Amino acid sequence: MKKKKSILNSLVYFFNSIFALLLLLAYVIPYVKPDTLGSFASISLITPILILINLIFLVYWLIRLRRAFLVSFIILAIGFPNLTRFYKLSGKKVLLVDDIKVMSYNVRMFNKYQWIKEDSIVGKIDHLIDQKAPDILCLQEFAPTDELTLDYPYKHIIYSKSNKQFGQAIFSKFKIINKGSLDFENTGNNILFADVKIEQDTIRVYNIHLQSLKIDPKKENFGEKDATQLRNRISAAFKVQQHQVEEFLIHQTTVNYPVIVAGDFNNTAFSWPYKSIVKGKLDTYVEAGKGFDKTFDFIFPSRIDFILVDKNIQVNHYKSYRDNYSDHFPIMARLDRASLFNNKQ
């Protein structure tokens, strides 16, 4: 019996070591450009799974009172800051009347091709937005439709050059005094920006939709050949994302007032694109969110949609909604109005 237990523990320790090393590699990935890492960059997509697996190994060894718990414990301790981008024990809920409410939502062309077998998706999304009443609304995969009745005096909409069926939109209750687009080539993805005037001050709002990985969790096959093709497809998309982010980083250096970045990054909080964009900013989920945050309809908590703000802006509340009208879920942050302009760049 002891021999069987010894063999079992040896096997568990072996796999524990492998997953601990994979998590350690995942910690390094955000610091290395995707075109250098190649297909290894795709590990960033499963970092939350690697964290959970290492937590399971940690509990396993603790129950058995074995020092082997140190393997996962040390790895998890090294990457402790990563845990707050994955799970928050407590949130923040300060709801002030004059908060600036910012929402981001990939609406998946308002279910134009009936991915969801449900009627009146446009009307339901319209009602949701009206109910939550964001002051600034960033939509990705926005498609023209007469059914949408959003009541915003100012808007900035640009459709894809490669596919006029959809694009991106920024809606605002505040006056837009300047607007534009980075106009990425050979892709349906893009980054829009709008300079919004609030009282006597201005903020720059970016609506980001980075290169899609084109993954449908319900249709993917994971045989050896299919898995290789999927890995190559993800690797190619990551390299495109890198170039898009590099363009964005150059573009934002021209801004001399507070910046809000919202959108669908098509990548996780453990990736190089996120790490590069969040530099000098706050992640509103990390600041005020609670529990696991799921912004993409997948089998485990997948956070690929973000609202990031300048580090001097106070985040009063963050929430993601579970309304299943798209393959993404809407997210909204409440920002303290006074802090937007108390500490100008």
Protein backbone atom coordinates (compact mmCIF):
# COMPACT_ATOMS: atom_id res chain seq x y z
CA MET A 1 0.00 0.00 0.00
CA LYS A 2 2.80 2.40 0.90
CA LYS A 3 4.52 1.57 -2.38
CA LYS A 4 1.37 2.46 -4.35
CA LYS A 5 1.10 5.74 -2.46
CA SER A 6 4.75 6.46 -3.16
CA ILE A 7 4.25 5.84 -6.90
CA LEU A 8 1.14 8.04 -6.91
CA ASN A 9 2.93 10.85 -5.09
CA SER A 10 5.87 10.60 -7.47
CA LEU A 11 3.54 10.94 -10.47
CA VAL A 12 1.71 13.86 -8.89
CA TYR A 13 5.01 15.55 -8.07
CA PHE A 14 6.20 15.04 -11.65
CA PHE A 15 3.11 16.70 -13.15
CA ASN A 16 3.17 19.35 -10.42
CA SER A 17 6.70 20.30 -11.48
CA ILE A 18 5.68 20.54 -15.15
CA PHE A 19 2.71 22.81 -14.44
CA ALA A 20 4.78 24.92 -12.06
CA LEU A 21 7.36 25.48 -14.80
CA LEU A 22 4.62 26.32 -17.30
CA LEU A 23 3.22 28.92 -14.90
CA LEU A 24 6.70 30.37 -14.42
CA LEU A 25 6.99 30.65 -18.21
CA ALA A 26 3.58 32.32 -18.29
CA TYR A 27 4.88 34.98 -15.88
CA VAL A 28 7.69 35.81 -18.32
CA ILE A 29 5.55 35.97 -21.48
CA PRO A 30 4.09 39.49 -20.91
CA TYR A 31 7.64 40.91 -20.92
CA VAL A 32 8.61 39.45 -24.30
CA LYS A 33 7.22 40.52 -27.67
CA PRO A 34 5.10 37.86 -29.43
CA ASP A 35 7.22 37.89 -32.60
CA THR A 36 10.15 36.73 -30.43
CA LEU A 37 8.25 34.03 -28.56
CA GLY A 38 6.37 32.55 -31.51
CA SER A 39 3.77 29.95 -30.53
CA PHE A 40 4.89 30.07 -26.86
CA ALA A 41 3.05 33.38 -26.56
CA SER A 42 -0.25 31.48 -26.68
CA ILE A 43 0.44 30.19 -23.15
CA SER A 44 -0.81 33.57 -21.91
CA LEU A 45 -4.34 32.45 -22.86
CA ILE A 46 -4.25 29.60 -20.34
CA THR A 47 -2.49 31.38 -17.47
CA PRO A 48 -5.69 31.38 -15.35
CA ILE A 49 -5.93 27.60 -15.83
CA LEU A 50 -2.28 27.18 -14.82
CA ILE A 51 -2.90 29.22 -11.67
CA LEU A 52 -5.90 27.05 -10.74
CA ILE A 53 -3.99 23.81 -11.41
CA ASN A 54 -1.12 24.94 -9.20
CA LEU A 55 -3.58 25.88 -6.47
CA ILE A 56 -5.03 22.35 -6.68
CA PHE A 57 -1.55 20.83 -6.36
CA LEU A 58 -0.85 23.12 -3.39
CA VAL A 59 -4.00 21.94 -1.59
CA TYR A 60 -3.22 18.30 -2.45
CA TRP A 61 0.20 18.43 -0.77
CA LEU A 62 -1.05 20.45 2.21
CA ILE A 63 -3.72 17.84 2.92
CA ARG A 64 -1.01 15.18 2.87
CA LEU A 65 1.34 17.34 4.97
CA ARG A 66 4.13 17.02 2.41
CA ARG A 67 6.87 19.57 1.80
CA ALA A 68 6.20 19.19 -1.91
CA PHE A 69 3.59 21.95 -1.43
CA LEU A 70 6.52 24.37 -1.66
CA VAL A 71 6.80 23.80 -5.44
CA SER A 72 3.47 25.44 -6.27
CA PHE A 73 3.55 27.72 -3.22
CA ILE A 74 6.80 29.37 -4.31
CA ILE A 75 5.64 29.74 -7.94
CA LEU A 76 2.31 31.24 -6.87
CA ALA A 77 4.07 33.56 -4.41
CA ILE A 78 6.46 34.78 -7.11
CA GLY A 79 3.52 35.73 -9.31
CA PHE A 80 1.18 36.94 -6.56
CA PRO A 81 0.42 40.26 -8.32
CA ASN A 82 -0.99 38.17 -11.19
CA LEU A 83 -3.65 36.75 -8.90
CA THR A 84 -5.33 40.16 -8.53
CA ARG A 85 -5.79 40.28 -12.30
CA PHE A 86 -7.56 36.93 -12.09
CA TYR A 87 -9.57 37.05 -8.86
CA LYS A 88 -10.49 39.80 -6.38
CA LEU A 89 -11.58 38.97 -2.85
CA SER A 90 -13.24 42.33 -2.31
CA GLY A 91 -14.45 45.11 -4.57
CA LYS A 92 -15.30 48.77 -4.30
CA LYS A 93 -18.75 50.23 -4.63
CA VAL A 94 -18.91 54.00 -4.38
CA LEU A 95 -21.84 55.29 -6.41
CA LEU A 96 -21.71 59.07 -6.75
CA VAL A 97 -24.32 61.02 -8.68
CA ASP A 98 -21.69 62.80 -10.78
CA ASP A 99 -19.57 59.71 -11.57
CA ILE A 100 -18.48 59.34 -15.18
CA LYS A 101 -19.80 55.94 -16.32
CA VAL A 102 -17.82 54.21 -19.08
CA MET A 103 -19.07 51.03 -20.75
CA SER A 104 -17.34 48.73 -23.23
CA TYR A 105 -19.21 46.03 -25.13
CA ASN A 106 -18.41 43.80 -28.09
CA VAL A 107 -21.95 43.40 -29.47
CA ARG A 108 -21.02 40.83 -32.17
CA MET A 109 -22.88 42.67 -34.92
CA PHE A 110 -26.07 42.56 -32.81
CA ASN A 111 -26.44 38.85 -33.58
CA LYS A 112 -26.84 39.60 -37.29
CA TYR A 113 -26.21 36.00 -38.33
CA GLN A 114 -28.32 34.42 -35.57
CA TRP A 115 -25.46 32.91 -33.56
CA ILE A 116 -27.82 33.17 -30.58
CA LYS A 117 -31.17 31.52 -31.31
CA GLU A 118 -33.16 34.28 -29.72
CA ASP A 119 -35.34 37.08 -31.05
CA SER A 120 -34.91 40.83 -30.59
CA ILE A 121 -31.24 40.81 -29.54
CA VAL A 122 -30.85 44.40 -30.78
CA GLY A 123 -33.76 45.53 -28.63
CA LYS A 124 -32.38 43.71 -25.59
CA ILE A 125 -28.94 45.26 -26.00
CA ASP A 126 -30.59 48.65 -26.54
CA HIS A 127 -32.60 48.21 -23.32
CA LEU A 128 -29.53 47.07 -21.36
CA ILE A 129 -27.52 50.13 -22.40
CA ASP A 130 -30.45 52.44 -21.69
CA GLN A 131 -30.88 50.87 -18.24
CA LYS A 132 -27.19 51.17 -17.28
CA ALA A 133 -26.97 54.65 -18.86
CA PRO A 134 -23.22 54.95 -19.50
CA ASP A 135 -21.98 58.47 -20.21
CA ILE A 136 -19.39 57.12 -22.65
CA LEU A 137 -20.07 53.95 -24.59
CA CYS A 138 -17.48 52.02 -26.63
CA LEU A 139 -18.85 49.31 -28.91
CA GLN A 140 -16.85 46.77 -30.90
CA GLU A 141 -18.21 44.76 -33.86
CA PHE A 142 -20.85 47.45 -34.24
CA ALA A 143 -23.21 46.89 -37.17
CA PRO A 144 -25.64 49.43 -38.65
CA THR A 145 -29.25 48.73 -37.71
CA ASP A 146 -32.43 50.79 -37.64
CA GLU A 147 -33.60 48.95 -34.53
CA LEU A 148 -31.00 50.65 -32.33
CA THR A 149 -32.33 53.75 -30.59
CA LEU A 150 -29.38 54.89 -28.48
CA ASP A 151 -29.99 58.43 -27.26
CA TYR A 152 -26.55 60.03 -27.44
CA PRO A 153 -25.98 63.52 -28.87
CA TYR A 154 -22.41 62.75 -29.95
CA LYS A 155 -20.98 59.71 -31.70
CA HIS A 156 -17.98 58.51 -33.68
CA ILE A 157 -18.52 55.47 -35.91
CA ILE A 158 -16.07 53.95 -38.38
CA TYR A 159 -16.70 50.79 -40.37
CA SER A 160 -14.05 48.31 -41.40
CA LYS A 161 -12.30 48.96 -44.70
CA SER A 162 -12.16 45.25 -45.43
CA ASN A 163 -15.75 44.54 -44.40
CA LYS A 164 -18.34 47.30 -44.35
CA GLN A 165 -20.67 45.00 -42.38
CA PHE A 166 -19.27 46.09 -39.02
CA GLY A 167 -16.91 48.49 -37.26
CA GLN A 168 -16.54 50.35 -33.98
CA ALA A 169 -18.37 53.17 -32.28
CA ILE A 170 -17.92 55.68 -29.49
CA PHE A 171 -21.11 57.27 -28.14
CA SER A 172 -20.91 60.16 -25.70
CA LYS A 173 -23.19 62.37 -23.66
CA PHE A 174 -20.35 64.90 -23.67
CA LYS A 175 -19.28 66.89 -26.69
CA ILE A 176 -16.72 65.24 -28.96
CA ILE A 177 -14.35 67.97 -30.12
CA ASN A 178 -11.89 65.80 -32.04
CA LYS A 179 -11.96 62.25 -33.36
CA GLY A 180 -10.05 59.84 -35.55
CA SER A 181 -8.90 56.31 -36.23
CA LEU A 182 -5.62 54.44 -36.52
CA ASP A 183 -6.93 52.68 -39.66
CA PHE A 184 -5.10 49.37 -39.49
CA GLU A 185 -4.39 47.80 -42.86
CA ASN A 186 -5.63 44.38 -44.05
CA THR A 187 -7.86 43.69 -41.06
CA GLY A 188 -11.36 44.32 -39.79
CA ASN A 189 -9.95 45.40 -36.41
CA ASN A 190 -9.13 48.97 -35.49
CA ILE A 191 -8.60 51.59 -32.79
CA LEU A 192 -10.84 54.66 -32.65
CA PHE A 193 -10.29 57.74 -30.53
CA ALA A 194 -12.39 60.70 -29.48
CA ASP A 195 -11.51 63.78 -27.46
CA VAL A 196 -14.42 64.42 -25.13
CA LYS A 197 -14.99 67.76 -23.43
CA ILE A 198 -16.36 67.55 -19.90
CA GLU A 199 -17.09 71.00 -18.50
CA GLN A 200 -13.87 72.95 -19.22
CA ASP A 201 -11.57 69.94 -19.54
CA THR A 202 -10.85 67.27 -22.12
CA ILE A 203 -10.18 63.54 -21.96
CA ARG A 204 -9.04 61.20 -24.74
CA VAL A 205 -11.11 58.02 -25.14
CA TYR A 206 -9.67 55.10 -27.11
CA ASN A 207 -11.90 52.28 -28.29
CA ILE A 208 -9.59 49.34 -28.97
CA HIS A 209 -10.37 46.16 -30.90
CA LEU A 210 -7.16 44.21 -31.42
CA GLN A 211 -6.70 41.48 -33.99
CA SER A 212 -9.12 38.62 -33.49
CA LEU A 213 -7.84 35.12 -32.71
CA LYS A 214 -10.89 33.74 -34.54
CA ILE A 215 -11.52 31.11 -31.91
CA ASP A 216 -15.00 29.66 -31.49
CA PRO A 217 -14.87 27.54 -28.29
CA LYS A 218 -17.96 25.59 -29.38
CA LYS A 219 -16.59 24.63 -32.79
CA GLU A 220 -12.86 24.09 -32.31
CA ASN A 221 -11.48 20.58 -32.71
CA PHE A 222 -8.47 19.65 -30.64
CA GLY A 223 -6.97 16.72 -32.50
CA GLU A 224 -3.22 16.84 -33.07
CA LYS A 225 -3.50 18.37 -36.57
CA ASP A 226 -6.23 20.82 -35.58
CA ALA A 227 -4.38 21.82 -32.40
CA THR A 228 -1.25 22.62 -34.44
CA GLN A 229 -3.25 24.73 -36.88
CA LEU A 230 -4.95 26.52 -33.99
CA ARG A 231 -1.59 27.24 -32.33
CA ASN A 232 -0.18 28.63 -35.60
CA ARG A 233 -3.28 30.77 -36.13
CA ILE A 234 -3.03 32.19 -32.62
CA SER A 235 0.70 32.86 -33.04
CA ALA A 236 0.08 34.79 -36.28
CA ALA A 237 -2.69 36.83 -34.65
CA PHE A 238 -0.47 37.66 -31.66
CA LYS A 239 2.17 39.08 -33.99
CA VAL A 240 -0.44 41.29 -35.67
CA GLN A 241 -1.63 42.40 -32.22
CA GLN A 242 1.93 43.36 -31.36
CA HIS A 243 2.20 45.71 -34.35
CA GLN A 244 -1.22 47.20 -33.60
CA VAL A 245 -0.23 47.86 -29.98
CA GLU A 246 3.06 49.40 -31.07
CA GLU A 247 1.12 51.81 -33.31
CA PHE A 248 -1.18 52.66 -30.41
CA LEU A 249 1.69 53.29 -27.99
CA ILE A 250 3.23 55.78 -30.41
CA HIS A 251 -0.14 57.43 -31.01
CA GLN A 252 -0.94 57.98 -27.33
CA THR A 253 2.34 59.83 -26.75
CA THR A 254 0.77 62.79 -28.60
CA VAL A 255 -1.94 63.17 -25.94
CA ASN A 256 -1.41 65.68 -23.14
CA TYR A 257 -4.62 65.14 -21.18
CA PRO A 258 -6.16 62.17 -19.27
CA VAL A 259 -6.69 58.96 -21.23
CA ILE A 260 -9.32 56.25 -20.97
CA VAL A 261 -8.74 53.03 -22.91
CA ALA A 262 -11.65 50.63 -23.39
CA GLY A 263 -12.25 47.69 -25.63
CA ASP A 264 -11.75 44.10 -26.68
CA PHE A 265 -8.04 43.21 -26.59
CA ASN A 266 -8.62 39.64 -27.81
CA ASN A 267 -6.02 38.68 -25.23
CA THR A 268 -5.78 38.25 -21.49
CA ALA A 269 -4.39 40.30 -18.61
CA PHE A 270 -1.35 37.98 -18.74
CA SER A 271 -0.26 38.97 -22.24
CA TRP A 272 2.25 41.34 -23.82
CA PRO A 273 -0.48 43.57 -25.37
CA TYR A 274 -2.17 44.08 -22.00
CA LYS A 275 1.14 44.61 -20.18
CA SER A 276 2.17 47.25 -22.73
CA ILE A 277 -1.14 49.13 -22.82
CA VAL A 278 -1.75 49.13 -19.05
CA LYS A 279 1.64 50.72 -18.32
CA GLY A 280 1.00 54.02 -16.51
CA LYS A 281 -2.70 53.17 -16.17
CA LEU A 282 -5.06 51.46 -13.78
CA ASP A 283 -7.12 48.39 -14.63
CA THR A 284 -10.62 49.25 -13.37
CA TYR A 285 -11.37 45.60 -12.50
CA VAL A 286 -8.19 45.33 -10.42
CA GLU A 287 -9.06 48.62 -8.69
CA ALA A 288 -12.73 48.02 -7.96
CA GLY A 289 -13.89 44.62 -9.24
CA LYS A 290 -14.82 41.57 -7.20
CA GLY A 291 -14.57 37.81 -7.70
CA PHE A 292 -13.79 36.22 -11.05
CA ASP A 293 -14.39 38.49 -14.02
CA LYS A 294 -15.71 36.87 -17.19
CA THR A 295 -16.03 39.10 -20.25
CA PHE A 296 -15.95 36.38 -22.93
CA ASP A 297 -18.36 33.45 -23.09
CA PHE A 298 -15.95 30.57 -22.50
CA ILE A 299 -15.81 27.49 -20.27
CA PHE A 300 -13.63 29.24 -17.67
CA PRO A 301 -13.39 32.90 -16.56
CA SER A 302 -11.91 34.70 -19.58
CA ARG A 303 -11.20 38.40 -19.22
CA ILE A 304 -10.24 39.88 -22.59
CA ASP A 305 -12.26 43.12 -22.43
CA PHE A 306 -10.88 45.99 -20.39
CA ILE A 307 -11.40 49.54 -19.22
CA LEU A 308 -8.08 51.16 -18.31
CA VAL A 309 -7.63 54.69 -17.01
CA ASP A 310 -4.78 57.06 -16.16
CA LYS A 311 -3.26 56.21 -12.79
CA ASN A 312 -4.44 59.49 -11.27
CA ILE A 313 -8.11 58.73 -11.97
CA GLN A 314 -10.06 57.28 -9.07
CA VAL A 315 -12.14 54.20 -9.87
CA ASN A 316 -15.31 54.06 -7.77
CA HIS A 317 -16.87 50.87 -9.11
CA TYR A 318 -16.49 48.15 -11.74
CA LYS A 319 -18.95 45.55 -12.92
CA SER A 320 -19.37 43.04 -15.73
CA TYR A 321 -22.91 42.00 -16.62
CA ARG A 322 -24.08 38.46 -17.40
CA ASP A 323 -26.60 39.36 -20.11
CA ASN A 324 -26.02 36.75 -22.81
CA TYR A 325 -26.69 38.80 -25.95
CA SER A 326 -23.27 38.33 -27.55
CA ASP A 327 -20.19 36.13 -27.16
CA HIS A 328 -18.87 38.94 -24.93
CA PHE A 329 -20.35 40.47 -21.80
CA PRO A 330 -20.61 44.24 -21.24
CA ILE A 331 -18.37 45.85 -18.63
CA MET A 332 -18.74 49.24 -16.96
CA ALA A 333 -16.59 51.38 -14.69
CA ARG A 334 -17.62 54.39 -12.64
CA LEU A 335 -14.91 57.06 -12.47
CA ASP A 336 -14.72 59.86 -9.94
CA ARG A 337 -15.40 63.04 -11.91
CA ALA A 338 -13.19 65.29 -9.77
CA SER A 339 -10.18 62.99 -10.08
CA LEU A 340 -10.31 63.13 -13.87
CA PHE A 341 -8.83 66.61 -13.84
CA ASN A 342 -7.26 67.01 -10.42
CA ASN A 343 -3.95 65.62 -11.67
CA LYS A 344 -3.44 66.61 -15.27
CA GLN A 345 -0.51 65.16 -17.16
